[in-house]
Amino acid sequence: MKLILRQDFQQLGHIGDVVDVKDGYARNYLIPRNIAFEATPSSIRQLEEEKRQHSRHLEKEKLSSEKLAVELEKVSVTIQMKVGEEDKLFGSVTSQMIADSLKEKGLTVDKRLIDLGDSIKALGIYTVDVKLPGSVVGKVKVWVVRE
């Protein structure tokens, strides 16, 4: 039986691939779990439409991510921390602190998208990457100052 894969399936292939499998495997496993559907002319047209919609969605997501990255480049965030001897911080600057500071500036960024790399444990100026959807990376300047 010829099927079109709706999602990546490790044993068979990738989205949109037309595969030939045994009838029982198709009817009892792949089709009920929406992993694949039968390759008919109408289903092939449906798959093409789903691909077009998915690509449009990815383009819109990338455009909005690029706009946000440009806005992030313009913004600098100041975080006040308590310090001890030799300007060592009590604790460290977290991605949640940076996300909250960005929210105060009017930019909503999920803390999981902020990539600190090494933890920030000293006063200074840091450039922090924000990994946005669509493989776009924005950069935020973070000033860590004493409280």
Protein backbone atom coordinates (compact mmCIF):
# COMPACT_ATOMS: atom_id res chain seq x y z
CA MET A 1 0.00 0.00 0.00
CA LYS A 2 1.36 3.43 -0.90
CA LEU A 3 1.25 6.04 1.87
CA ILE A 4 2.29 9.65 2.32
CA LEU A 5 4.03 10.46 5.60
CA ARG A 6 2.45 13.26 7.65
CA GLN A 7 5.39 13.48 10.04
CA ASP A 8 8.96 12.28 10.29
CA PHE A 9 9.05 8.59 11.12
CA GLN A 10 12.47 7.14 11.81
CA GLN A 11 11.90 3.75 10.18
CA LEU A 12 10.29 5.08 6.98
CA GLY A 13 11.29 8.63 6.09
CA HIS A 14 10.42 12.31 6.35
CA ILE A 15 7.31 14.44 5.95
CA GLY A 16 5.85 14.21 2.45
CA ASP A 17 7.70 11.05 1.41
CA VAL A 18 5.66 8.48 -0.48
CA VAL A 19 6.44 5.04 0.98
CA ASP A 20 5.30 1.53 0.17
CA VAL A 21 4.39 -0.58 3.22
CA LYS A 22 2.37 -3.72 3.91
CA ASP A 23 -1.41 -3.27 4.13
CA GLY A 24 -1.74 -4.42 7.75
CA TYR A 25 1.02 -2.11 8.99
CA ALA A 26 -0.62 0.81 7.23
CA ARG A 27 -4.20 0.13 8.38
CA ASN A 28 -3.44 -0.93 11.94
CA TYR A 29 -0.56 1.35 12.91
CA LEU A 30 0.35 4.24 10.61
CA ILE A 31 -3.06 5.54 9.56
CA PRO A 32 -4.80 5.39 12.99
CA ARG A 33 -1.91 7.30 14.61
CA ASN A 34 -1.97 10.00 11.88
CA ILE A 35 1.61 9.21 10.93
CA ALA A 36 0.61 8.67 7.32
CA PHE A 37 -2.37 8.63 4.98
CA GLU A 38 -3.18 6.81 1.77
CA ALA A 39 -1.58 8.21 -1.37
CA THR A 40 -4.54 9.20 -3.52
CA PRO A 41 -4.63 12.14 -5.93
CA SER A 42 -6.74 14.18 -3.49
CA SER A 43 -4.45 13.41 -0.55
CA ILE A 44 -1.42 14.46 -2.58
CA ARG A 45 -3.11 17.82 -3.27
CA GLN A 46 -3.93 18.13 0.43
CA LEU A 47 -0.29 17.46 1.33
CA GLU A 48 0.89 20.13 -1.10
CA GLU A 49 -1.49 22.65 0.50
CA GLU A 50 -0.24 21.73 3.99
CA LYS A 51 3.35 22.25 2.82
CA ARG A 52 2.50 25.70 1.42
CA GLN A 53 0.77 26.73 4.65
CA HIS A 54 3.67 25.45 6.74
CA SER A 55 6.21 27.37 4.66
CA ARG A 56 4.10 30.58 4.93
CA HIS A 57 3.94 30.12 8.69
CA LEU A 58 7.72 29.68 8.90
CA GLU A 59 8.27 32.83 6.81
CA LYS A 60 5.98 34.91 9.05
CA GLU A 61 7.69 33.54 12.16
CA LYS A 62 11.12 34.39 10.77
CA LEU A 63 10.07 37.94 9.83
CA SER A 64 8.70 38.62 13.30
CA SER A 65 11.87 37.16 14.85
CA GLU A 66 14.05 39.40 12.68
CA LYS A 67 12.03 42.47 13.74
CA LEU A 68 12.40 41.51 17.40
CA ALA A 69 16.15 40.94 16.92
CA VAL A 70 16.54 44.47 15.53
CA GLU A 71 14.65 45.88 18.52
CA LEU A 72 16.80 43.85 20.93
CA GLU A 73 19.96 45.31 19.36
CA LYS A 74 18.77 48.82 20.29
CA VAL A 75 17.99 47.96 23.92
CA SER A 76 20.39 47.76 26.83
CA VAL A 77 19.36 46.30 30.16
CA THR A 78 20.69 47.36 33.56
CA ILE A 79 20.58 44.84 36.39
CA GLN A 80 21.48 45.90 39.92
CA MET A 81 23.07 43.24 42.10
CA LYS A 82 24.54 43.12 45.59
CA VAL A 83 28.30 42.73 45.55
CA GLY A 84 30.90 41.59 48.04
CA GLU A 85 34.64 42.01 48.14
CA GLU A 86 36.50 42.40 44.84
CA ASP A 87 33.20 43.17 43.05
CA LYS A 88 32.01 39.56 43.18
CA LEU A 89 28.25 39.16 42.98
CA PHE A 90 26.17 37.46 45.64
CA GLY A 91 24.63 34.86 43.32
CA SER A 92 24.57 35.35 39.59
CA VAL A 93 22.52 37.05 36.90
CA THR A 94 19.85 34.68 35.56
CA SER A 95 17.97 34.58 32.31
CA GLN A 96 14.77 35.28 34.29
CA MET A 97 16.24 38.60 35.51
CA ILE A 98 17.11 39.58 31.96
CA ALA A 99 13.65 38.56 30.69
CA ASP A 100 11.98 40.64 33.44
CA SER A 101 14.14 43.67 32.60
CA LEU A 102 13.26 43.31 28.91
CA LYS A 103 9.57 43.11 29.82
CA GLU A 104 9.88 46.42 31.66
CA LYS A 105 11.24 47.91 28.42
CA GLY A 106 8.22 46.57 26.51
CA LEU A 107 9.83 43.51 24.89
CA THR A 108 8.44 40.10 25.77
CA VAL A 109 11.06 37.35 25.52
CA ASP A 110 10.79 33.89 27.03
CA LYS A 111 13.59 33.19 29.51
CA ARG A 112 14.32 29.85 27.80
CA LEU A 113 15.37 31.71 24.65
CA ILE A 114 18.05 33.69 26.48
CA ASP A 115 21.46 32.00 26.18
CA LEU A 116 23.82 33.18 28.90
CA GLY A 117 26.61 30.79 27.97
CA ASP A 118 28.79 31.12 31.09
CA SER A 119 27.04 32.44 34.17
CA ILE A 120 27.45 36.14 34.93
CA LYS A 121 29.07 36.48 38.37
CA ALA A 122 30.90 39.82 38.17
CA LEU A 123 30.12 43.46 37.47
CA GLY A 124 30.50 44.62 33.90
CA ILE A 125 28.97 44.87 30.46
CA TYR A 126 27.92 41.65 28.74
CA THR A 127 26.43 40.81 25.37
CA VAL A 128 23.84 38.07 25.71
CA ASP A 129 22.41 36.05 22.81
CA VAL A 130 18.66 35.55 22.44
CA LYS A 131 17.86 32.57 20.21
CA LEU A 132 14.61 33.38 18.43
CA PRO A 133 12.45 31.12 16.26
CA GLY A 134 13.51 30.74 12.65
CA SER A 135 17.23 30.44 13.50
CA VAL A 136 17.47 34.17 14.26
CA VAL A 137 19.83 35.32 17.00
CA GLY A 138 19.35 38.69 18.68
CA LYS A 139 21.87 40.32 20.98
CA VAL A 140 21.11 42.26 24.16
CA LYS A 141 23.61 44.41 26.01
CA VAL A 142 23.40 43.71 29.76
CA TRP A 143 24.94 46.10 32.28
CA VAL A 144 25.53 44.55 35.69
CA VAL A 145 25.99 47.28 38.29
CA ARG A 146 26.23 47.41 42.06
CA GLU A 147 23.06 48.02 44.04
